[in-house]
Amino acid sequence: MFWAGTFHQVVRDDGDAAVPMLERARELAAAAGDKLTLSYALRHLGFADMAAGRLDAARERLEESVRLRREIGFMPGVAAGLLALAELAAHGNDRDQALALLDEAAAVAAEAGAHGILRWVGRARKEI
């Protein structure tokens, strides 16, 4: 369900089709105790909230995704999640918070050897 929802969200740019699949993926992952898949489902539901202008809901879901990733030790995912939170803060015109989150994302990515995420952080920093 997660991958089907992600396909519709990312490839087809069809949030109406994606969200029910992502919600079901969230439910299934929670029931199975699959924290990694749950973190991904929450992340993409957060993106859907962000696109719909529900910034508080987006923040809650993205923060929960990062929390789960920290809990299971998925540090490249933590860095990516912090980057998403930074982009959300920038979208909400909180430049200081965005830069602080980018700093943390860069530190986590560097420690984890997540060079691709470091490049994304660099690009995001230029845009903020």
Protein backbone atom coordinates (compact mmCIF):
# COMPACT_ATOMS: atom_id res chain seq x y z
CA MET A 1 0.00 0.00 0.00
CA PHE A 2 2.81 2.39 0.81
CA TRP A 3 4.49 2.02 -2.56
CA ALA A 4 1.20 2.29 -4.44
CA GLY A 5 0.39 5.48 -2.54
CA THR A 6 3.85 6.89 -3.13
CA PHE A 7 3.55 6.14 -6.84
CA HIS A 8 0.33 8.14 -7.05
CA GLN A 9 1.74 10.96 -4.91
CA VAL A 10 5.15 11.32 -6.54
CA VAL A 11 4.82 10.03 -10.09
CA ARG A 12 1.21 10.87 -10.84
CA ASP A 13 0.98 13.95 -8.58
CA ASP A 14 -2.43 12.64 -7.51
CA GLY A 15 -2.89 13.24 -3.81
CA ASP A 16 -6.57 12.25 -3.96
CA ALA A 17 -5.57 8.73 -5.00
CA ALA A 18 -2.46 8.61 -2.82
CA VAL A 19 -3.79 9.63 0.59
CA PRO A 20 -6.20 6.71 1.16
CA MET A 21 -3.43 4.26 0.25
CA LEU A 22 -0.93 6.01 2.49
CA GLU A 23 -3.45 6.04 5.35
CA ARG A 24 -4.02 2.30 4.90
CA ALA A 25 -0.26 1.73 4.78
CA ARG A 26 0.01 3.67 8.03
CA GLU A 27 -2.67 1.50 9.64
CA LEU A 28 -1.12 -1.75 8.44
CA ALA A 29 2.41 -0.77 9.46
CA ALA A 30 1.22 0.28 12.92
CA ALA A 31 -0.68 -2.98 13.37
CA ALA A 32 2.34 -5.00 12.28
CA GLY A 33 4.76 -3.01 14.44
CA ASP A 34 6.74 -2.04 11.32
CA LYS A 35 8.17 1.26 12.49
CA LEU A 36 10.22 1.88 9.35
CA THR A 37 7.28 1.59 6.99
CA LEU A 38 5.18 3.56 9.46
CA SER A 39 7.78 6.34 9.39
CA TYR A 40 7.62 6.45 5.59
CA ALA A 41 3.82 6.47 5.52
CA LEU A 42 3.73 9.32 8.05
CA ARG A 43 6.36 11.24 6.09
CA HIS A 44 4.36 11.05 2.88
CA LEU A 45 1.11 11.86 4.65
CA GLY A 46 2.95 14.89 6.02
CA PHE A 47 3.86 15.89 2.48
CA ALA A 48 0.18 15.58 1.53
CA ASP A 49 -0.78 17.77 4.49
CA MET A 50 1.84 20.31 3.47
CA ALA A 51 0.54 20.41 -0.11
CA ALA A 52 -2.99 20.95 1.22
CA GLY A 53 -1.85 23.81 3.46
CA ARG A 54 -2.37 21.87 6.71
CA LEU A 55 1.00 22.90 8.14
CA ASP A 56 0.33 21.92 11.77
CA ALA A 57 -0.78 18.43 10.73
CA ALA A 58 2.21 18.17 8.40
CA ARG A 59 4.59 19.10 11.22
CA GLU A 60 3.04 16.54 13.57
CA ARG A 61 3.36 13.73 11.04
CA LEU A 62 6.90 14.67 9.99
CA GLU A 63 8.01 14.95 13.62
CA GLU A 64 6.52 11.52 14.40
CA SER A 65 8.32 10.08 11.38
CA VAL A 66 11.64 11.47 12.63
CA ARG A 67 10.94 10.18 16.15
CA LEU A 68 10.32 6.67 14.84
CA ARG A 69 13.45 6.78 12.71
CA ARG A 70 15.55 7.85 15.70
CA GLU A 71 13.99 5.04 17.75
CA ILE A 72 15.05 2.38 15.24
CA GLY A 73 18.42 3.98 14.50
CA PHE A 74 17.71 4.85 10.86
CA MET A 75 19.93 7.92 10.85
CA PRO A 76 19.94 8.69 7.10
CA GLY A 77 16.14 8.75 7.42
CA VAL A 78 16.40 11.05 10.43
CA ALA A 79 18.50 13.45 8.36
CA ALA A 80 15.97 13.34 5.52
CA GLY A 81 13.15 13.93 7.99
CA LEU A 82 14.91 16.93 9.51
CA LEU A 83 15.35 18.31 6.00
CA ALA A 84 11.60 17.97 5.41
CA LEU A 85 10.92 19.75 8.69
CA ALA A 86 13.33 22.53 7.64
CA GLU A 87 11.48 22.95 4.37
CA LEU A 88 8.21 23.12 6.28
CA ALA A 89 9.64 25.78 8.62
CA ALA A 90 10.85 27.78 5.63
CA HIS A 91 7.40 27.46 4.05
CA GLY A 92 6.00 28.94 7.26
CA ASN A 93 8.51 31.82 7.09
CA ASP A 94 10.49 30.63 10.12
CA ARG A 95 13.96 31.05 8.62
CA ASP A 96 15.83 30.65 11.92
CA GLN A 97 14.11 27.35 12.69
CA ALA A 98 14.67 26.18 9.12
CA LEU A 99 18.40 26.92 9.33
CA ALA A 100 18.69 25.21 12.72
CA LEU A 101 17.00 22.10 11.33
CA LEU A 102 19.27 22.16 8.29
CA ASP A 103 22.30 22.32 10.59
CA GLU A 104 21.03 19.30 12.50
CA ALA A 105 20.17 17.45 9.29
CA ALA A 106 23.69 18.09 7.95
CA ALA A 107 25.32 16.86 11.16
CA VAL A 108 23.21 13.69 11.25
CA ALA A 109 23.76 13.03 7.54
CA ALA A 110 27.52 13.53 7.84
CA GLU A 111 27.70 11.17 10.83
CA ALA A 112 25.63 8.57 8.95
CA GLY A 113 27.62 8.93 5.73
CA ALA A 114 24.47 10.00 3.89
CA HIS A 115 26.19 12.05 1.20
CA GLY A 116 23.11 12.41 -1.00
CA ILE A 117 21.16 13.95 1.85
CA LEU A 118 24.08 16.28 2.53
CA ARG A 119 23.77 17.50 -1.07
CA TRP A 120 20.01 18.01 -0.58
CA VAL A 121 20.71 20.00 2.58
CA GLY A 122 23.18 22.18 0.69
CA ARG A 123 20.60 22.89 -2.01
CA ALA A 124 17.92 23.65 0.56
CA ARG A 125 20.23 26.02 2.41
CA LYS A 126 20.74 28.02 -0.82
CA GLU A 127 16.97 28.30 -1.29
CA ILE A 128 16.30 29.49 2.26
